[in-house]
């Protein structure tokens, strides 16, 4: 059963298949100061250089989260809200507006209207798909797998299918659960097979008691599923945030401490957590898909991971992955990867090793020796059968 933990929960405290938000809403930010406060975030990602190439026009990013407030000035005219995915009745009703989903959407596609907050992809559109309510603790939800017969849907799997079927090129998931779900894995595969880039938060358990005891954090899903870009949080110095989960699902890092974001009604607030980092990387993926719409999800991931800043000494670690995303460099790399081909034509006269090629195999045909043996056997059988007939006939005449 899926349920939500409040938006102010920095750490997921429940266990099992419990979908939780991966971020904290901190103190308010003055509207006239938001651009200045977010400057370090945009500089860390090198977004202004990337905007010389594209600003994300033509790309829809699905935000699977709490419902986005479409009236926020920096999101006005950019948001489509999908039906509520939480109910046991498919697409029943509408979800309440959420601070968390609104904040994530603004980090992805904030337009900067009237000097307001700028998202990484300010010309992208948002498809808000509610799977969590920040106010309610329990819902009448479908069990994800009854154990018999065909698997049932979960809110997350339903949202992934909906986003894929309604034109999303990037899906941002600033949430997670500790357990895996078969229907969620299938939905992830469905989206990836159709060219959709999936980005998810790795969680905020890095400073939990279990992480200190075990030396690693519990995996969070969907970030842990193959093909999903798992994102961890870093601070202003580009160092891993202490709360950010650390395990091998971390692919890249992005700012996740003191990141200004929009709130319902048009205000601003600092956010903290791998939620914010995930939204920023989803915006980066949107820029890549805007410029190179046919680039596959795995090549988008390669563009992001091969061009990072602050690479670990060993080129990878479980706290920040391959490093902090550099959007401008990733765009350049993505352009190079468009010529990548999964296979090359091979000349027919090539072969391994030295010397001449072996002769082609002869087609199968009749074996003369086998035919002689078969024929002799048939002949002997006929002679024996004839002799037996003669013997039996003479015996019958005598009697």
Foldseek 3Di string as FASTA:
>chain_A
DEAEAAQQDCADDDADFYKYFNKHFFFFDFFQCQCVLQVLQCVQQVLVLLVVPALQAPAEEEEEEAFAQCPAVQNPPQEDEFAALFAQPHSPHHGDHDFLSNFLVCQQARQCPPNGGGHSRPNYGYYYYYHYDNPDGDYNGDDQAPPDDDGDHGSQLVSLVVCQVPRHQEYFERIWHLDDGPSNLVSVVVNLVSQHAAEYEQHFQQQPPVCVVVVFDRGTPPLQHPLHAYEFADDSVQHFDNRGGFDPSHAAYGHFFQRWGAGPPHTITGMGGSSNRRSRVSSLLSSLCSNVVPQHNVLLSVLFLVQAPPADPVCAGRRGRNGHGHSSSSNVSSVVCVPDDPDDDDDPLDDDDDDHDDDDDDDDDDDVVVVVVVVVVVVVVVVVVVVVVVVVVVVVVVD
